[in-house]
Protein backbone atom coordinates (compact mmCIF):
# COMPACT_ATOMS: atom_id res chain seq x y z
CA MET A 1 0.01 0.07 -0.01
CA VAL A 2 1.30 3.37 -0.95
CA ARG A 3 1.15 6.09 1.67
CA LEU A 4 0.48 9.64 0.69
CA GLN A 5 3.50 11.74 1.50
CA LEU A 6 2.08 15.30 1.86
CA SER A 7 5.52 16.67 2.74
CA ARG A 8 6.35 16.12 -0.89
CA SER A 9 3.11 16.34 -2.73
CA GLY A 10 1.31 18.87 -0.43
CA PRO A 11 2.46 22.02 -2.35
CA TRP A 12 1.45 20.36 -5.69
CA ILE A 13 -1.94 19.44 -4.51
CA GLY A 14 -2.36 22.91 -2.88
CA TYR A 15 -1.34 25.01 -5.91
CA GLY A 16 -3.49 22.74 -8.19
CA GLY A 17 -6.44 23.31 -5.79
CA LEU A 18 -5.79 27.10 -5.86
CA VAL A 19 -5.91 27.12 -9.70
CA CYS A 20 -9.36 25.40 -9.40
CA LEU A 21 -10.45 27.91 -6.89
CA LEU A 22 -9.29 30.69 -9.07
CA TRP A 23 -11.62 29.25 -11.86
CA LEU A 24 -14.57 29.40 -9.45
CA VAL A 25 -13.78 33.01 -8.48
CA ILE A 26 -13.76 34.08 -12.19
CA ALA A 27 -16.84 32.05 -12.99
CA SER A 28 -18.55 33.92 -10.23
CA GLY A 29 -18.78 36.96 -12.46
CA LEU A 30 -21.99 35.33 -13.87
CA PHE A 31 -23.86 36.20 -10.90
CA ALA A 32 -21.76 38.40 -8.61
CA PRO A 33 -21.24 42.18 -8.86
CA TRP A 34 -17.80 43.65 -9.64
CA TRP A 35 -17.16 44.41 -6.11
CA GLY A 36 -17.91 40.81 -4.99
CA ILE A 37 -15.40 39.62 -7.59
CA VAL A 38 -12.83 42.08 -6.24
CA VAL A 39 -13.34 40.72 -2.71
CA MET A 40 -13.10 37.10 -4.04
CA VAL A 41 -9.80 37.85 -5.81
CA VAL A 42 -8.41 39.46 -2.71
CA MET A 43 -9.30 36.33 -0.70
CA TRP A 44 -7.60 34.27 -3.34
CA LEU A 45 -4.49 36.32 -3.17
CA ILE A 46 -4.53 35.94 0.63
CA ALA A 47 -4.71 32.08 0.14
CA MET A 48 -1.97 32.15 -2.32
CA THR A 49 0.26 34.11 -0.08
CA LEU A 50 -0.50 31.88 2.82
CA ALA A 51 0.39 28.78 0.51
CA ALA A 52 3.59 30.42 -0.69
CA GLY A 53 4.59 31.07 2.91
CA TRP A 54 3.95 27.60 4.07
CA THR A 55 5.65 25.94 1.17
CA ARG A 56 8.99 25.39 2.81
CA PRO A 57 8.36 25.33 6.54
CA HIS A 58 5.06 23.31 6.33
CA PRO A 59 4.61 21.64 2.96
CA ALA A 60 1.77 19.30 4.09
CA TRP A 61 -0.33 22.29 5.26
CA VAL A 62 -0.34 23.84 1.67
CA ALA A 63 -2.70 20.95 0.59
CA TYR A 64 -5.35 22.28 2.95
CA VAL A 65 -5.18 26.00 1.84
CA PRO A 66 -7.67 25.52 -1.13
CA LEU A 67 -10.16 23.94 1.25
CA LEU A 68 -10.10 27.00 3.48
CA GLY A 69 -10.32 29.14 0.43
CA LEU A 70 -13.34 27.14 -0.81
CA ALA A 71 -14.97 27.54 2.55
CA ALA A 72 -14.48 31.30 2.45
CA TRP A 73 -15.85 31.50 -1.18
CA THR A 74 -18.81 29.44 -0.23
CA ALA A 75 -19.50 31.63 2.74
CA LEU A 76 -19.19 34.77 0.65
CA VAL A 77 -21.32 33.56 -2.19
CA ALA A 78 -24.11 32.37 0.23
CA ALA A 79 -24.13 35.69 1.98
CA GLY A 80 -24.21 37.53 -1.36
CA LEU A 81 -27.01 35.37 -2.69
CA THR A 82 -29.06 35.59 0.53
CA TRP A 83 -28.61 39.11 1.79
CA TRP A 84 -27.07 41.20 -0.95
CA GLY A 85 -29.25 40.24 -3.90
CA TRP A 86 -26.58 38.58 -6.22
CA GLY A 87 -28.02 36.77 -9.05
CA ASP A 88 -31.07 38.98 -9.56
């Protein structure tokens, strides 16, 4: 059985996940206003900075950064659709 070594593959998984998250942010332009996209891009840049900072000291943690970004994106989109009238 092969054991996953996040100390070696964590950054690759994390950066691949961040690329997928960027796609979600850009696709949100279909229903979100311009300022919502700006907030999402800023959140993505924070996640990218966090991943870059953790690549050397904590490579396994980088794999979880896109999950944090996805949770933040989901919360922002849910708030936008519920309270701020996005998608109308």
